């Protein structure tokens, strides 16, 4: 089943894991969530207009989104970690002045 494959393949640190009403796992990019409504089932409306019904309560979905965002703001995952960027050419800018530049005293 494609949904199960996607939910098991996408690392939890990039999405929130939820459950569809038919008990299949669902990985949701929380950046795409526009609304979370209880009507009476929990309905997630994405910025694309797509609606997804999930088993988790509205409060639980919001808690998971907040938890995910806190982890991102705390630096998890850190830049380049587990993304295959560790050996990339991205590096911190180096000062061209031997004493650290004009603003170092």
Protein backbone atom coordinates (compact mmCIF):
# COMPACT_ATOMS: atom_id res chain seq x y z
CA UNK A 1 0.00 0.00 0.00
CA UNK A 2 1.48 3.34 -1.04
CA UNK A 3 0.42 5.32 2.05
CA UNK A 4 2.15 2.85 4.39
CA UNK A 5 5.29 2.98 2.27
CA UNK A 6 5.36 6.77 2.34
CA UNK A 7 4.72 6.97 6.08
CA UNK A 8 7.48 4.46 6.81
CA UNK A 9 9.94 6.02 4.35
CA UNK A 10 9.66 9.69 5.40
CA UNK A 11 11.67 10.39 8.57
CA UNK A 12 9.55 11.64 11.48
CA UNK A 13 11.79 14.67 11.90
CA UNK A 14 10.41 16.14 8.64
CA UNK A 15 6.68 15.41 9.10
CA UNK A 16 4.07 14.67 11.72
CA UNK A 17 2.71 11.13 11.82
CA UNK A 18 -1.09 10.81 11.93
CA UNK A 19 -3.67 8.10 11.24
CA UNK A 20 -6.45 8.15 8.62
CA UNK A 21 -9.93 7.05 9.69
CA UNK A 22 -9.29 3.64 8.06
CA UNK A 23 -6.22 3.16 10.34
CA UNK A 24 -3.60 3.71 7.63
CA UNK A 25 -0.63 5.87 8.64
CA UNK A 26 -0.33 9.33 7.19
CA UNK A 27 2.73 11.59 7.09
CA UNK A 28 1.79 15.29 6.95
CA UNK A 29 4.07 18.23 6.27
CA UNK A 30 2.90 20.61 9.00
CA UNK A 31 3.94 23.61 6.90
CA UNK A 32 1.04 22.75 4.56
CA UNK A 33 -1.65 22.74 7.29
CA UNK A 34 -4.06 25.65 6.95
CA UNK A 35 -6.88 24.60 9.33
CA UNK A 36 -7.59 21.84 11.84
CA UNK A 37 -11.31 21.43 12.52
CA UNK A 38 -13.45 19.07 14.59
CA UNK A 39 -16.59 18.37 12.54
CA UNK A 40 -17.13 15.83 14.38
CA UNK A 41 -14.10 13.97 12.99
CA UNK A 42 -10.82 15.86 12.84
CA UNK A 43 -10.47 17.48 9.42
CA UNK A 44 -7.13 18.89 8.32
CA UNK A 45 -7.33 21.40 5.48
CA UNK A 46 -4.06 21.88 3.61
CA UNK A 47 -3.04 25.09 1.86
CA UNK A 48 -3.72 23.26 -1.42
CA UNK A 49 -7.41 22.95 -0.44
CA UNK A 50 -7.13 19.19 0.09
CA UNK A 51 -8.96 17.90 3.17
CA UNK A 52 -7.76 14.93 5.21
CA UNK A 53 -9.74 13.18 7.95
CA UNK A 54 -7.68 11.72 10.79
CA UNK A 55 -8.31 9.72 13.97
CA UNK A 56 -6.31 12.04 16.23
CA UNK A 57 -8.19 14.81 18.03
CA UNK A 58 -7.85 18.43 17.02
CA UNK A 59 -5.88 19.05 20.21
CA UNK A 60 -3.50 16.16 19.45
CA UNK A 61 -2.85 17.36 15.89
CA UNK A 62 -2.10 20.87 17.17
CA UNK A 63 0.15 19.44 19.91
CA UNK A 64 2.13 17.46 17.33
CA UNK A 65 2.50 20.50 15.07
CA UNK A 66 3.73 22.62 17.98
CA UNK A 67 6.12 19.87 19.11
CA UNK A 68 7.49 19.57 15.56
CA UNK A 69 7.98 23.34 15.23
CA UNK A 70 9.70 23.55 18.62
CA UNK A 71 12.14 20.86 17.51
CA UNK A 72 12.85 22.75 14.28
CA UNK A 73 13.37 26.04 16.12
CA UNK A 74 15.64 24.29 18.61
CA UNK A 75 17.86 23.31 15.69
CA UNK A 76 16.70 19.73 15.24
CA UNK A 77 17.53 18.48 12.74
CA UNK A 78 20.59 20.66 12.53
CA UNK A 79 21.71 22.08 9.20
CA UNK A 80 23.12 19.29 7.07
CA UNK A 81 22.43 16.54 9.59
CA UNK A 82 21.13 13.36 7.97
CA UNK A 83 20.47 15.19 4.72
CA UNK A 84 23.57 14.07 2.88
CA UNK A 85 25.05 17.56 3.14
CA UNK A 86 27.81 16.81 5.61
CA UNK A 87 30.43 16.63 2.88
CA UNK A 88 29.05 19.51 0.84
CA UNK A 89 30.97 22.64 0.00
CA UNK A 90 28.77 24.81 2.26
CA UNK A 91 30.96 26.38 4.92
CA UNK A 92 31.11 29.35 7.23
CA UNK A 93 32.42 32.54 5.63
CA UNK A 94 36.01 33.24 6.55
CA UNK A 95 37.41 36.71 7.23
CA UNK A 96 39.93 37.88 4.67
CA UNK A 97 41.68 40.09 7.22
CA UNK A 98 44.32 38.40 9.42
CA UNK A 99 43.22 40.26 12.57
CA UNK A 100 39.53 39.35 12.07
CA UNK A 101 38.48 42.49 10.22
CA UNK A 102 37.88 46.13 11.04
CA UNK A 103 35.30 45.43 13.78
CA UNK A 104 37.51 43.29 15.99
CA UNK A 105 39.41 45.30 18.53
